[in-house]
Amino acid sequence: MSRESERPNEVTAYHLAGWAGIEVGVPPVGDPARFAIRSVPVADASAYPTKQQLLDYAAAVREQVLAGLSRLTPSDLARPSNAPPHVRDYFDTVGKVLQTLATHEMMHVGQLSVVRKELGLGPVIG
């Protein structure tokens, strides 16, 4: 398979860190296929990790990503990335991956904002 969306185990939190060569050794929580691109949500909450499990997972991954970032040198930013072939033209260096890593979460905040608005809830931030 050549598309990231067809490889749910690789579409977990902080996949961009891996593209930058930062090892994240935290195993996914729950079934990674539940969070894959084009996955179909189910109404049964027990099919998903709990909020606390997700928060713990995010904290553990964040810690490892920050440790990996602290080991990078300025010359590492020009190094070729580990991005998959279908996006390598855009993410060809570690520096370009890190630019996206810094703003990627905001894309997801925007997605959540649309969902929350449709549900009649307040904004994600603010």
PDB file of N, CA and C in Angstrom:
ATOM      1  N   MET A   1       0.836  -1.180   0.000  1.00  0.00           N
ATOM      2  CA  MET A   1       0.000   0.000   0.000  1.00  0.00           C
ATOM      3  C   MET A   1       0.879   1.241   0.000  1.00  0.00           C
ATOM      4  N   SER A   2       0.468   2.208  -0.765  1.00  0.00           N
ATOM      5  CA  SER A   2       1.325   3.374  -0.884  1.00  0.00           C
ATOM      6  C   SER A   2       0.751   4.627  -0.235  1.00  0.00           C
ATOM      7  N   ARG A   3      -0.500   4.615   0.141  1.00  0.00           N
ATOM      8  CA  ARG A   3      -1.108   5.812   0.713  1.00  0.00           C
ATOM      9  C   ARG A   3      -1.158   5.712   2.226  1.00  0.00           C
ATOM     10  N   GLU A   4      -0.845   6.799   2.900  1.00  0.00           N
ATOM     11  CA  GLU A   4      -0.858   6.825   4.356  1.00  0.00           C
ATOM     12  C   GLU A   4      -2.222   6.440   4.904  1.00  0.00           C
ATOM     13  N   SER A   5      -3.286   6.859   4.249  1.00  0.00           N
ATOM     14  CA  SER A   5      -4.633   6.591   4.747  1.00  0.00           C
ATOM     15  C   SER A   5      -4.959   5.107   4.730  1.00  0.00           C
ATOM     16  N   GLU A   6      -4.195   4.311   4.007  1.00  0.00           N
ATOM     17  CA  GLU A   6      -4.427   2.877   3.955  1.00  0.00           C
ATOM     18  C   GLU A   6      -3.587   2.140   4.990  1.00  0.00           C
ATOM     19  N   ARG A   7      -2.788   2.862   5.770  1.00  0.00           N
ATOM     20  CA  ARG A   7      -1.921   2.261   6.773  1.00  0.00           C
ATOM     21  C   ARG A   7      -2.264   2.869   8.125  1.00  0.00           C
ATOM     22  N   PRO A   8      -3.369   2.428   8.746  1.00  0.00           N
ATOM     23  CA  PRO A   8      -3.825   3.086   9.969  1.00  0.00           C
ATOM     24  C   PRO A   8      -2.806   3.062  11.098  1.00  0.00           C
ATOM     25  N   ASN A   9      -1.934   2.062  11.181  1.00  0.00           N
ATOM     26  CA  ASN A   9      -0.956   2.039  12.268  1.00  0.00           C
ATOM     27  C   ASN A   9       0.054   3.165  12.141  1.00  0.00           C
ATOM     28  N   GLU A  10       0.196   3.739  10.956  1.00  0.00           N
ATOM     29  CA  GLU A  10       1.121   4.838  10.762  1.00  0.00           C
ATOM     30  C   GLU A  10       0.427   6.196  10.848  1.00  0.00           C
ATOM     31  N   VAL A  11      -0.878   6.189  10.992  1.00  0.00           N
ATOM     32  CA  VAL A  11      -1.618   7.444  11.077  1.00  0.00           C
ATOM     33  C   VAL A  11      -2.024   7.651  12.526  1.00  0.00           C
ATOM     34  N   THR A  12      -1.057   7.658  13.407  1.00  0.00           N
ATOM     35  CA  THR A  12      -1.314   7.909  14.815  1.00  0.00           C
ATOM     36  C   THR A  12      -0.748   9.278  15.168  1.00  0.00           C
ATOM     37  N   ALA A  13      -0.988   9.695  16.380  1.00  0.00           N
ATOM     38  CA  ALA A  13      -0.531  11.025  16.806  1.00  0.00           C
ATOM     39  C   ALA A  13       0.947  11.199  16.543  1.00  0.00           C
ATOM     40  N   TYR A  14       1.296  12.395  16.096  1.00  0.00           N
ATOM     41  CA  TYR A  14       2.677  12.809  15.911  1.00  0.00           C
ATOM     42  C   TYR A  14       3.417  12.014  14.840  1.00  0.00           C
ATOM     43  N   HIS A  15       2.685  11.615  13.789  1.00  0.00           N
ATOM     44  CA  HIS A  15       3.376  10.941  12.686  1.00  0.00           C
ATOM     45  C   HIS A  15       4.414  11.853  12.056  1.00  0.00           C
ATOM     46  N   LEU A  16       4.214  13.152  12.125  1.00  0.00           N
ATOM     47  CA  LEU A  16       5.193  14.085  11.569  1.00  0.00           C
ATOM     48  C   LEU A  16       6.527  13.990  12.294  1.00  0.00           C
ATOM     49  N   ALA A  17       6.515  13.685  13.584  1.00  0.00           N
ATOM     50  CA  ALA A  17       7.769  13.530  14.314  1.00  0.00           C
ATOM     51  C   ALA A  17       8.602  12.403  13.703  1.00  0.00           C
ATOM     52  N   GLY A  18       7.961  11.329  13.353  1.00  0.00           N
ATOM     53  CA  GLY A  18       8.665  10.223  12.701  1.00  0.00           C
ATOM     54  C   GLY A  18       9.257  10.634  11.368  1.00  0.00           C
ATOM     55  N   TRP A  19       8.540  11.486  10.645  1.00  0.00           N
ATOM     56  CA  TRP A  19       9.069  11.974   9.372  1.00  0.00           C
ATOM     57  C   TRP A  19      10.322  12.806   9.587  1.00  0.00           C
ATOM     58  N   ALA A  20      10.437  13.421  10.780  1.00  0.00           N
ATOM     59  CA  ALA A  20      11.613  14.226  11.107  1.00  0.00           C
ATOM     60  C   ALA A  20      12.713  13.371  11.730  1.00  0.00           C
ATOM     61  N   GLY A  21      12.480  12.065  11.825  1.00  0.00           N
ATOM     62  CA  GLY A  21      13.478  11.169  12.392  1.00  0.00           C
ATOM     63  C   GLY A  21      13.452  11.105  13.907  1.00  0.00           C
ATOM     64  N   ILE A  22      12.393  11.594  14.530  1.00  0.00           N
ATOM     65  CA  ILE A  22      12.261  11.552  15.979  1.00  0.00           C
ATOM     66  C   ILE A  22      11.495  10.286  16.342  1.00  0.00           C
ATOM     67  N   GLU A  23      12.148   9.420  17.080  1.00  0.00           N
ATOM     68  CA  GLU A  23      11.523   8.163  17.467  1.00  0.00           C
ATOM     69  C   GLU A  23      10.507   8.391  18.579  1.00  0.00           C
ATOM     70  N   VAL A  24       9.320   7.867  18.393  1.00  0.00           N
ATOM     71  CA  VAL A  24       8.271   7.933  19.413  1.00  0.00           C
ATOM     72  C   VAL A  24       7.908   6.486  19.739  1.00  0.00           C
ATOM     73  N   GLY A  25       8.331   6.037  20.908  1.00  0.00           N
ATOM     74  CA  GLY A  25       8.149   4.640  21.271  1.00  0.00           C
ATOM     75  C   GLY A  25       6.933   4.366  22.119  1.00  0.00           C
ATOM     76  N   VAL A  26       5.941   5.231  22.056  1.00  0.00           N
ATOM     77  CA  VAL A  26       4.725   5.034  22.845  1.00  0.00           C
ATOM     78  C   VAL A  26       3.728   4.253  21.985  1.00  0.00           C
ATOM     79  N   PRO A  27       3.320   3.062  22.431  1.00  0.00           N
ATOM     80  CA  PRO A  27       2.362   2.306  21.619  1.00  0.00           C
ATOM     81  C   PRO A  27       1.017   3.018  21.563  1.00  0.00           C
ATOM     82  N   PRO A  28       0.318   2.893  20.428  1.00  0.00           N
ATOM     83  CA  PRO A  28      -0.999   3.534  20.313  1.00  0.00           C
ATOM     84  C   PRO A  28      -1.947   3.030  21.397  1.00  0.00           C
ATOM     85  N   VAL A  29      -2.853   3.887  21.792  1.00  0.00           N
ATOM     86  CA  VAL A  29      -3.867   3.511  22.770  1.00  0.00           C
ATOM     87  C   VAL A  29      -5.134   3.157  21.988  1.00  0.00           C
ATOM     88  N   GLY A  30      -5.717   2.029  22.315  1.00  0.00           N
ATOM     89  CA  GLY A  30      -6.905   1.596  21.584  1.00  0.00           C
ATOM     90  C   GLY A  30      -6.549   1.058  20.202  1.00  0.00           C
ATOM     91  N   ASP A  31      -7.536   0.972  19.359  1.00  0.00           N
ATOM     92  CA  ASP A  31      -7.386   0.452  17.999  1.00  0.00           C
ATOM     93  C   ASP A  31      -7.018   1.596  17.061  1.00  0.00           C
ATOM     94  N   PRO A  32      -5.785   1.619  16.519  1.00  0.00           N
ATOM     95  CA  PRO A  32      -5.385   2.715  15.636  1.00  0.00           C
ATOM     96  C   PRO A  32      -6.313   2.897  14.430  1.00  0.00           C
ATOM     97  N   ALA A  33      -6.958   1.835  13.993  1.00  0.00           N
ATOM     98  CA  ALA A  33      -7.868   1.938  12.848  1.00  0.00           C
ATOM     99  C   ALA A  33      -9.050   2.857  13.157  1.00  0.00           C
ATOM    100  N   ARG A  34      -9.414   3.001  14.429  1.00  0.00           N
ATOM    101  CA  ARG A  34     -10.521   3.883  14.815  1.00  0.00           C
ATOM    102  C   ARG A  34     -10.222   5.342  14.497  1.00  0.00           C
ATOM    103  N   PHE A  35      -8.926   5.681  14.403  1.00  0.00           N
ATOM    104  CA  PHE A  35      -8.531   7.064  14.193  1.00  0.00           C
ATOM    105  C   PHE A  35      -7.924   7.284  12.807  1.00  0.00           C
ATOM    106  N   ALA A  36      -8.009   6.294  11.944  1.00  0.00           N
ATOM    107  CA  ALA A  36      -7.421   6.399  10.607  1.00  0.00           C
ATOM    108  C   ALA A  36      -8.231   7.356   9.730  1.00  0.00           C
ATOM    109  N   ILE A  37      -7.557   7.880   8.737  1.00  0.00           N
ATOM    110  CA  ILE A  37      -8.247   8.723   7.761  1.00  0.00           C
ATOM    111  C   ILE A  37      -9.361   7.898   7.121  1.00  0.00           C
ATOM    112  N   ARG A  38     -10.523   8.495   6.985  1.00  0.00           N
ATOM    113  CA  ARG A  38     -11.725   7.874   6.420  1.00  0.00           C
ATOM    114  C   ARG A  38     -12.290   6.746   7.279  1.00  0.00           C
ATOM    115  N   SER A  39     -11.906   6.686   8.569  1.00  0.00           N
ATOM    116  CA  SER A  39     -12.538   5.702   9.444  1.00  0.00           C
ATOM    117  C   SER A  39     -13.970   6.159   9.709  1.00  0.00           C
ATOM    118  N   VAL A  40     -14.819   5.237  10.051  1.00  0.00           N
ATOM    119  CA  VAL A  40     -16.226   5.548  10.295  1.00  0.00           C
ATOM    120  C   VAL A  40     -16.475   5.497  11.800  1.00  0.00           C
ATOM    121  N   PRO A  41     -16.880   6.611  12.382  1.00  0.00           N
ATOM    122  CA  PRO A  41     -17.138   6.624  13.830  1.00  0.00           C
ATOM    123  C   PRO A  41     -18.296   5.705  14.198  1.00  0.00           C
ATOM    124  N   VAL A  42     -18.264   5.209  15.421  1.00  0.00           N
ATOM    125  CA  VAL A  42     -19.361   4.389  15.938  1.00  0.00           C
ATOM    126  C   VAL A  42     -19.913   5.069  17.185  1.00  0.00           C
ATOM    127  N   ALA A  43     -21.164   4.824  17.491  1.00  0.00           N
ATOM    128  CA  ALA A  43     -21.817   5.466  18.625  1.00  0.00           C
ATOM    129  C   ALA A  43     -21.413   4.857  19.964  1.00  0.00           C
ATOM    130  N   ASP A  44     -20.900   3.647  19.950  1.00  0.00           N
ATOM    131  CA  ASP A  44     -20.530   2.947  21.180  1.00  0.00           C
ATOM    132  C   ASP A  44     -19.235   3.521  21.741  1.00  0.00           C
ATOM    133  N   ALA A  45     -19.337   4.292  22.829  1.00  0.00           N
ATOM    134  CA  ALA A  45     -18.159   4.942  23.425  1.00  0.00           C
ATOM    135  C   ALA A  45     -17.121   3.934  23.888  1.00  0.00           C
ATOM    136  N   SER A  46     -17.540   2.713  24.213  1.00  0.00           N
ATOM    137  CA  SER A  46     -16.580   1.710  24.691  1.00  0.00           C
ATOM    138  C   SER A  46     -15.638   1.235  23.574  1.00  0.00           C
ATOM    139  N   ALA A  47     -15.934   1.598  22.341  1.00  0.00           N
ATOM    140  CA  ALA A  47     -15.054   1.234  21.223  1.00  0.00           C
ATOM    141  C   ALA A  47     -13.815   2.131  21.166  1.00  0.00           C
ATOM    142  N   TYR A  48     -13.795   3.162  21.995  1.00  0.00           N
ATOM    143  CA  TYR A  48     -12.712   4.145  21.985  1.00  0.00           C
ATOM    144  C   TYR A  48     -12.008   4.191  23.334  1.00  0.00           C
ATOM    145  N   PRO A  49     -10.761   4.674  23.335  1.00  0.00           N
ATOM    146  CA  PRO A  49     -10.085   4.892  24.623  1.00  0.00           C
ATOM    147  C   PRO A  49     -10.817   5.977  25.412  1.00  0.00           C
ATOM    148  N   THR A  50     -10.614   5.973  26.711  1.00  0.00           N
ATOM    149  CA  THR A  50     -11.215   7.011  27.542  1.00  0.00           C
ATOM    150  C   THR A  50     -10.465   8.325  27.340  1.00  0.00           C
ATOM    151  N   LYS A  51     -11.082   9.407  27.783  1.00  0.00           N
ATOM    152  CA  LYS A  51     -10.429  10.707  27.691  1.00  0.00           C
ATOM    153  C   LYS A  51      -9.100  10.681  28.441  1.00  0.00           C
ATOM    154  N   GLN A  52      -9.081  10.077  29.627  1.00  0.00           N
ATOM    155  CA  GLN A  52      -7.844  10.032  30.411  1.00  0.00           C
ATOM    156  C   GLN A  52      -6.770   9.219  29.695  1.00  0.00           C
ATOM    157  N   GLN A  53      -7.147   8.112  29.068  1.00  0.00           N
ATOM    158  CA  GLN A  53      -6.167   7.320  28.309  1.00  0.00           C
ATOM    159  C   GLN A  53      -5.569   8.150  27.174  1.00  0.00           C
ATOM    160  N   LEU A  54      -6.404   8.912  26.488  1.00  0.00           N
ATOM    161  CA  LEU A  54      -5.912   9.751  25.400  1.00  0.00           C
ATOM    162  C   LEU A  54      -5.012  10.869  25.918  1.00  0.00           C
ATOM    163  N   LEU A  55      -5.391  11.487  27.039  1.00  0.00           N
ATOM    164  CA  LEU A  55      -4.557  12.539  27.620  1.00  0.00           C
ATOM    165  C   LEU A  55      -3.201  11.979  28.078  1.00  0.00           C
ATOM    166  N   ASP A  56      -3.213  10.802  28.697  1.00  0.00           N
ATOM    167  CA  ASP A  56      -1.965  10.172  29.128  1.00  0.00           C
ATOM    168  C   ASP A  56      -1.087   9.838  27.925  1.00  0.00           C
ATOM    169  N   TYR A  57      -1.703   9.320  26.879  1.00  0.00           N
ATOM    170  CA  TYR A  57      -0.973   8.992  25.652  1.00  0.00           C
ATOM    171  C   TYR A  57      -0.352  10.251  25.047  1.00  0.00           C
ATOM    172  N   ALA A  58      -1.143  11.320  24.951  1.00  0.00           N
ATOM    173  CA  ALA A  58      -0.640  12.566  24.364  1.00  0.00           C
ATOM    174  C   ALA A  58       0.520  13.116  25.190  1.00  0.00           C
ATOM    175  N   ALA A  59       0.432  13.029  26.505  1.00  0.00           N
ATOM    176  CA  ALA A  59       1.515  13.528  27.364  1.00  0.00           C
ATOM    177  C   ALA A  59       2.796  12.717  27.174  1.00  0.00           C
ATOM    178  N   ALA A  60       2.658  11.399  27.069  1.00  0.00           N
ATOM    179  CA  ALA A  60       3.836  10.547  26.877  1.00  0.00           C
ATOM    180  C   ALA A  60       4.488  10.802  25.522  1.00  0.00           C
ATOM    181  N   VAL A  61       3.666  10.952  24.477  1.00  0.00           N
ATOM    182  CA  VAL A  61       4.201  11.229  23.150  1.00  0.00           C
ATOM    183  C   VAL A  61       4.865  12.601  23.132  1.00  0.00           C
ATOM    184  N   ARG A  62       4.225  13.585  23.725  1.00  0.00           N
ATOM    185  CA  ARG A  62       4.785  14.939  23.764  1.00  0.00           C
ATOM    186  C   ARG A  62       6.157  14.939  24.414  1.00  0.00           C
ATOM    187  N   GLU A  63       6.286  14.225  25.521  1.00  0.00           N
ATOM    188  CA  GLU A  63       7.568  14.150  26.222  1.00  0.00           C
ATOM    189  C   GLU A  63       8.660  13.592  25.301  1.00  0.00           C
ATOM    190  N   GLN A  64       8.343  12.543  24.558  1.00  0.00           N
ATOM    191  CA  GLN A  64       9.335  11.942  23.666  1.00  0.00           C
ATOM    192  C   GLN A  64       9.648  12.842  22.479  1.00  0.00           C
ATOM    193  N   VAL A  65       8.644  13.528  21.956  1.00  0.00           N
ATOM    194  CA  VAL A  65       8.883  14.439  20.831  1.00  0.00           C
ATOM    195  C   VAL A  65       9.771  15.599  21.287  1.00  0.00           C
ATOM    196  N   LEU A  66       9.488  16.171  22.444  1.00  0.00           N
ATOM    197  CA  LEU A  66      10.320  17.271  22.950  1.00  0.00           C
ATOM    198  C   LEU A  66      11.756  16.816  23.186  1.00  0.00           C
ATOM    199  N   ALA A  67      11.940  15.611  23.700  1.00  0.00           N
ATOM    200  CA  ALA A  67      13.295  15.088  23.902  1.00  0.00           C
ATOM    201  C   ALA A  67      14.009  14.935  22.556  1.00  0.00           C
ATOM    202  N   GLY A  68      13.286  14.440  21.562  1.00  0.00           N
ATOM    203  CA  GLY A  68      13.878  14.305  20.230  1.00  0.00           C
ATOM    204  C   GLY A  68      14.239  15.642  19.615  1.00  0.00           C
ATOM    205  N   LEU A  69      13.376  16.626  19.792  1.00  0.00           N
ATOM    206  CA  LEU A  69      13.655  17.970  19.268  1.00  0.00           C
ATOM    207  C   LEU A  69      14.895  18.567  19.922  1.00  0.00           C
ATOM    208  N   SER A  70      15.068  18.306  21.204  1.00  0.00           N
ATOM    209  CA  SER A  70      16.212  18.885  21.912  1.00  0.00           C
ATOM    210  C   SER A  70      17.538  18.309  21.419  1.00  0.00           C
ATOM    211  N   ARG A  71      17.490  17.154  20.786  1.00  0.00           N
ATOM    212  CA  ARG A  71      18.719  16.540  20.269  1.00  0.00           C
ATOM    213  C   ARG A  71      19.079  17.009  18.856  1.00  0.00           C
ATOM    214  N   LEU A  72      18.163  17.697  18.196  1.00  0.00           N
ATOM    215  CA  LEU A  72      18.440  18.144  16.827  1.00  0.00           C
ATOM    216  C   LEU A  72      19.417  19.317  16.831  1.00  0.00           C
ATOM    217  N   THR A  73      20.243  19.343  15.810  1.00  0.00           N
ATOM    218  CA  THR A  73      21.178  20.454  15.620  1.00  0.00           C
ATOM    219  C   THR A  73      20.702  21.270  14.422  1.00  0.00           C
ATOM    220  N   PRO A  74      21.194  22.495  14.265  1.00  0.00           N
ATOM    221  CA  PRO A  74      20.798  23.286  13.094  1.00  0.00           C
ATOM    222  C   PRO A  74      21.062  22.566  11.767  1.00  0.00           C
ATOM    223  N   SER A  75      22.137  21.811  11.679  1.00  0.00           N
ATOM    224  CA  SER A  75      22.419  21.106  10.413  1.00  0.00           C
ATOM    225  C   SER A  75      21.423  19.981  10.155  1.00  0.00           C
ATOM    226  N   ASP A  76      20.798  19.456  11.223  1.00  0.00           N
ATOM    227  CA  ASP A  76      19.775  18.414  11.044  1.00  0.00           C
ATOM    228  C   ASP A  76      18.573  18.926  10.252  1.00  0.00           C
ATOM    229  N   LEU A  77      18.303  20.224  10.317  1.00  0.00           N
ATOM    230  CA  LEU A  77      17.135  20.778   9.637  1.00  0.00           C
ATOM    231  C   LEU A  77      17.222  20.629   8.123  1.00  0.00           C
ATOM    232  N   ALA A  78      18.430  20.549   7.584  1.00  0.00           N
ATOM    233  CA  ALA A  78      18.605  20.388   6.137  1.00  0.00           C
ATOM    234  C   ALA A  78      18.651  18.928   5.719  1.00  0.00           C
ATOM    235  N   ARG A  79      18.661  18.014   6.676  1.00  0.00           N
ATOM    236  CA  ARG A  79      18.714  16.588   6.381  1.00  0.00           C
ATOM    237  C   ARG A  79      17.435  16.132   5.664  1.00  0.00           C
ATOM    238  N   PRO A  80      17.537  15.166   4.735  1.00  0.00           N
ATOM    239  CA  PRO A  80      16.321  14.628   4.101  1.00  0.00           C
ATOM    240  C   PRO A  80      15.391  14.019   5.152  1.00  0.00           C
ATOM    241  N   SER A  81      14.097  14.198   4.939  1.00  0.00           N
ATOM    242  CA  SER A  81      13.108  13.675   5.888  1.00  0.00           C
ATOM    243  C   SER A  81      12.794  12.211   5.595  1.00  0.00           C
ATOM    244  N   ASN A  82      12.020  11.612   6.498  1.00  0.00           N
ATOM    245  CA  ASN A  82      11.514  10.247   6.326  1.00  0.00           C
ATOM    246  C   ASN A  82      10.072  10.253   5.833  1.00  0.00           C
ATOM    247  N   ALA A  83       9.642  11.353   5.237  1.00  0.00           N
ATOM    248  CA  ALA A  83       8.250  11.457   4.776  1.00  0.00           C
ATOM    249  C   ALA A  83       7.963  10.397   3.718  1.00  0.00           C
ATOM    250  N   PRO A  84       6.725   9.892   3.686  1.00  0.00           N
ATOM    251  CA  PRO A  84       6.359   8.906   2.672  1.00  0.00           C
ATOM    252  C   PRO A  84       6.441   9.513   1.271  1.00  0.00           C
ATOM    253  N   PRO A  85       6.645   8.664   0.278  1.00  0.00           N
ATOM    254  CA  PRO A  85       6.843   9.161  -1.094  1.00  0.00           C
ATOM    255  C   PRO A  85       5.759  10.111  -1.595  1.00  0.00           C
ATOM    256  N   HIS A  86       4.499   9.898  -1.232  1.00  0.00           N
ATOM    257  CA  HIS A  86       3.423  10.722  -1.793  1.00  0.00           C
ATOM    258  C   HIS A  86       3.408  12.157  -1.257  1.00  0.00           C
ATOM    259  N   VAL A  87       4.197  12.466  -0.211  1.00  0.00           N
ATOM    260  CA  VAL A  87       4.287  13.838   0.298  1.00  0.00           C
ATOM    261  C   VAL A  87       5.728  14.332   0.392  1.00  0.00           C
ATOM    262  N   ARG A  88       6.667  13.528  -0.069  1.00  0.00           N
ATOM    263  CA  ARG A  88       8.074  13.867   0.101  1.00  0.00           C
ATOM    264  C   ARG A  88       8.475  15.137  -0.642  1.00  0.00           C
ATOM    265  N   ASP A  89       7.807  15.466  -1.741  1.00  0.00           N
ATOM    266  CA  ASP A  89       8.142  16.705  -2.443  1.00  0.00           C
ATOM    267  C   ASP A  89       7.906  17.922  -1.553  1.00  0.00           C
ATOM    268  N   TYR A  90       6.880  17.880  -0.740  1.00  0.00           N
ATOM    269  CA  TYR A  90       6.560  18.998   0.139  1.00  0.00           C
ATOM    270  C   TYR A  90       7.364  18.941   1.438  1.00  0.00           C
ATOM    271  N   PHE A  91       7.559  17.735   1.942  1.00  0.00           N
ATOM    272  CA  PHE A  91       8.261  17.528   3.215  1.00  0.00           C
ATOM    273  C   PHE A  91       9.634  16.906   2.959  1.00  0.00           C
ATOM    274  N   ASP A  92      10.437  17.528   2.123  1.00  0.00           N
ATOM    275  CA  ASP A  92      11.704  16.905   1.730  1.00  0.00           C
ATOM    276  C   ASP A  92      12.811  17.021   2.772  1.00  0.00           C
ATOM    277  N   THR A  93      12.721  17.969   3.690  1.00  0.00           N
ATOM    278  CA  THR A  93      13.747  18.112   4.725  1.00  0.00           C
ATOM    279  C   THR A  93      13.118  18.053   6.114  1.00  0.00           C
ATOM    280  N   VAL A  94      13.965  17.768   7.096  1.00  0.00           N
ATOM    281  CA  VAL A  94      13.515  17.750   8.485  1.00  0.00           C
ATOM    282  C   VAL A  94      12.958  19.126   8.865  1.00  0.00           C
ATOM    283  N   GLY A  95      13.590  20.187   8.405  1.00  0.00           N
ATOM    284  CA  GLY A  95      13.124  21.538   8.718  1.00  0.00           C
ATOM    285  C   GLY A  95      11.711  21.794   8.231  1.00  0.00           C
ATOM    286  N   LYS A  96      11.390  21.339   7.025  1.00  0.00           N
ATOM    287  CA  LYS A  96      10.033  21.538   6.504  1.00  0.00           C
ATOM    288  C   LYS A  96       9.015  20.728   7.296  1.00  0.00           C
ATOM    289  N   VAL A  97       9.397  19.535   7.716  1.00  0.00           N
ATOM    290  CA  VAL A  97       8.493  18.735   8.547  1.00  0.00           C
ATOM    291  C   VAL A  97       8.223  19.449   9.870  1.00  0.00           C
ATOM    292  N   LEU A  98       9.277  20.002  10.468  1.00  0.00           N
ATOM    293  CA  LEU A  98       9.110  20.669  11.762  1.00  0.00           C
ATOM    294  C   LEU A  98       8.273  21.936  11.645  1.00  0.00           C
ATOM    295  N   GLN A  99       8.345  22.624  10.521  1.00  0.00           N
ATOM    296  CA  GLN A  99       7.471  23.786  10.317  1.00  0.00           C
ATOM    297  C   GLN A  99       6.014  23.355  10.399  1.00  0.00           C
ATOM    298  N   THR A 100       5.693  22.227   9.799  1.00  0.00           N
ATOM    299  CA  THR A 100       4.326  21.733   9.825  1.00  0.00           C
ATOM    300  C   THR A 100       3.972  21.183  11.201  1.00  0.00           C
ATOM    301  N   LEU A 101       4.922  20.521  11.856  1.00  0.00           N
ATOM    302  CA  LEU A 101       4.679  19.978  13.187  1.00  0.00           C
ATOM    303  C   LEU A 101       4.242  21.084  14.143  1.00  0.00           C
ATOM    304  N   ALA A 102       4.814  22.263  13.971  1.00  0.00           N
ATOM    305  CA  ALA A 102       4.495  23.383  14.853  1.00  0.00           C
ATOM    306  C   ALA A 102       3.066  23.890  14.672  1.00  0.00           C
ATOM    307  N   THR A 103       2.466  23.687  13.513  1.00  0.00           N
ATOM    308  CA  THR A 103       1.134  24.243  13.238  1.00  0.00           C
ATOM    309  C   THR A 103       0.073  23.175  12.956  1.00  0.00           C
ATOM    310  N   HIS A 104       0.464  21.923  12.883  1.00  0.00           N
ATOM    311  CA  HIS A 104      -0.452  20.842  12.498  1.00  0.00           C
ATOM    312  C   HIS A 104      -1.657  20.734  13.430  1.00  0.00           C
ATOM    313  N   GLU A 105      -1.411  20.896  14.721  1.00  0.00           N
ATOM    314  CA  GLU A 105      -2.504  20.775  15.688  1.00  0.00           C
ATOM    315  C   GLU A 105      -3.596  21.806  15.432  1.00  0.00           C
ATOM    316  N   MET A 106      -3.204  22.991  14.974  1.00  0.00           N
ATOM    317  CA  MET A 106      -4.198  24.028  14.705  1.00  0.00           C
ATOM    318  C   MET A 106      -5.158  23.612  13.589  1.00  0.00           C
ATOM    319  N   MET A 107      -4.672  22.814  12.630  1.00  0.00           N
ATOM    320  CA  MET A 107      -5.560  22.308  11.591  1.00  0.00           C
ATOM    321  C   MET A 107      -6.668  21.470  12.241  1.00  0.00           C
ATOM    322  N   HIS A 108      -6.256  20.624  13.206  1.00  0.00           N
ATOM    323  CA  HIS A 108      -7.248  19.778  13.873  1.00  0.00           C
ATOM    324  C   HIS A 108      -8.183  20.594  14.769  1.00  0.00           C
ATOM    325  N   VAL A 109      -7.682  21.662  15.365  1.00  0.00           N
ATOM    326  CA  VAL A 109      -8.553  22.545  16.149  1.00  0.00           C
ATOM    327  C   VAL A 109      -9.627  23.135  15.238  1.00  0.00           C
ATOM    328  N   GLY A 110      -9.241  23.503  14.030  1.00  0.00           N
ATOM    329  CA  GLY A 110     -10.213  24.011  13.065  1.00  0.00           C
ATOM    330  C   GLY A 110     -11.271  22.974  12.729  1.00  0.00           C
ATOM    331  N   GLN A 111     -10.836  21.720  12.560  1.00  0.00           N
ATOM    332  CA  GLN A 111     -11.792  20.651  12.279  1.00  0.00           C
ATOM    333  C   GLN A 111     -12.763  20.474  13.446  1.00  0.00           C
ATOM    334  N   LEU A 112     -12.228  20.495  14.661  1.00  0.00           N
ATOM    335  CA  LEU A 112     -13.090  20.352  15.838  1.00  0.00           C
ATOM    336  C   LEU A 112     -14.038  21.530  15.985  1.00  0.00           C
ATOM    337  N   SER A 113     -13.603  22.699  15.582  1.00  0.00           N
ATOM    338  CA  SER A 113     -14.466  23.888  15.670  1.00  0.00           C
ATOM    339  C   SER A 113     -15.716  23.721  14.820  1.00  0.00           C
ATOM    340  N   VAL A 114     -15.553  23.159  13.639  1.00  0.00           N
ATOM    341  CA  VAL A 114     -16.699  22.929  12.755  1.00  0.00           C
ATOM    342  C   VAL A 114     -17.670  21.935  13.398  1.00  0.00           C
ATOM    343  N   VAL A 115     -17.137  20.852  13.943  1.00  0.00           N
ATOM    344  CA  VAL A 115     -17.980  19.845  14.587  1.00  0.00           C
ATOM    345  C   VAL A 115     -18.707  20.447  15.786  1.00  0.00           C
ATOM    346  N   ARG A 116     -17.969  21.180  16.625  1.00  0.00           N
ATOM    347  CA  ARG A 116     -18.590  21.773  17.809  1.00  0.00           C
ATOM    348  C   ARG A 116     -19.676  22.778  17.426  1.00  0.00           C
ATOM    349  N   LYS A 117     -19.445  23.551  16.381  1.00  0.00           N
ATOM    350  CA  LYS A 117     -20.460  24.514  15.939  1.00  0.00           C
ATOM    351  C   LYS A 117     -21.723  23.777  15.500  1.00  0.00           C
ATOM    352  N   GLU A 118     -21.569  22.700  14.755  1.00  0.00           N
ATOM    353  CA  GLU A 118     -22.720  21.919  14.296  1.00  0.00           C
ATOM    354  C   GLU A 118     -23.479  21.285  15.455  1.00  0.00           C
ATOM    355  N   LEU A 119     -22.762  20.986  16.543  1.00  0.00           N
ATOM    356  CA  LEU A 119     -23.396  20.394  17.731  1.00  0.00           C
ATOM    357  C   LEU A 119     -23.963  21.445  18.676  1.00  0.00           C
ATOM    358  N   GLY A 120     -23.785  22.726  18.325  1.00  0.00           N
ATOM    359  CA  GLY A 120     -24.285  23.803  19.167  1.00  0.00           C
ATOM    360  C   GLY A 120     -23.435  24.060  20.387  1.00  0.00           C
ATOM    361  N   LEU A 121     -22.174  23.649  20.341  1.00  0.00           N
ATOM    362  CA  LEU A 121     -21.261  23.840  21.471  1.00  0.00           C
ATOM    363  C   LEU A 121     -20.391  25.084  21.243  1.00  0.00           C
ATOM    364  N   GLY A 122     -19.701  25.499  22.289  1.00  0.00           N
ATOM    365  CA  GLY A 122     -18.834  26.667  22.197  1.00  0.00           C
ATOM    366  C   GLY A 122     -17.549  26.357  21.452  1.00  0.00           C
ATOM    367  N   PRO A 123     -16.701  27.366  21.299  1.00  0.00           N
ATOM    368  CA  PRO A 123     -15.446  27.175  20.565  1.00  0.00           C
ATOM    369  C   PRO A 123     -14.476  26.241  21.287  1.00  0.00           C
ATOM    370  N   VAL A 124     -13.558  25.666  20.518  1.00  0.00           N
ATOM    371  CA  VAL A 124     -12.542  24.792  21.083  1.00  0.00           C
ATOM    372  C   VAL A 124     -11.605  25.587  21.972  1.00  0.00           C
ATOM    373  N   ILE A 125     -11.202  26.752  21.496  1.00  0.00           N
ATOM    374  CA  ILE A 125     -10.283  27.624  22.237  1.00  0.00           C
ATOM    375  C   ILE A 125     -11.029  28.914  22.547  1.00  0.00           C
ATOM    376  N   GLY A 126     -10.951  29.335  23.793  1.00  0.00           N
ATOM    377  CA  GLY A 126     -11.534  30.630  24.140  1.00  0.00           C
ATOM    378  C   GLY A 126     -12.721  30.579  25.019  1.00  0.00           C
TER     379      GLY A 126
END
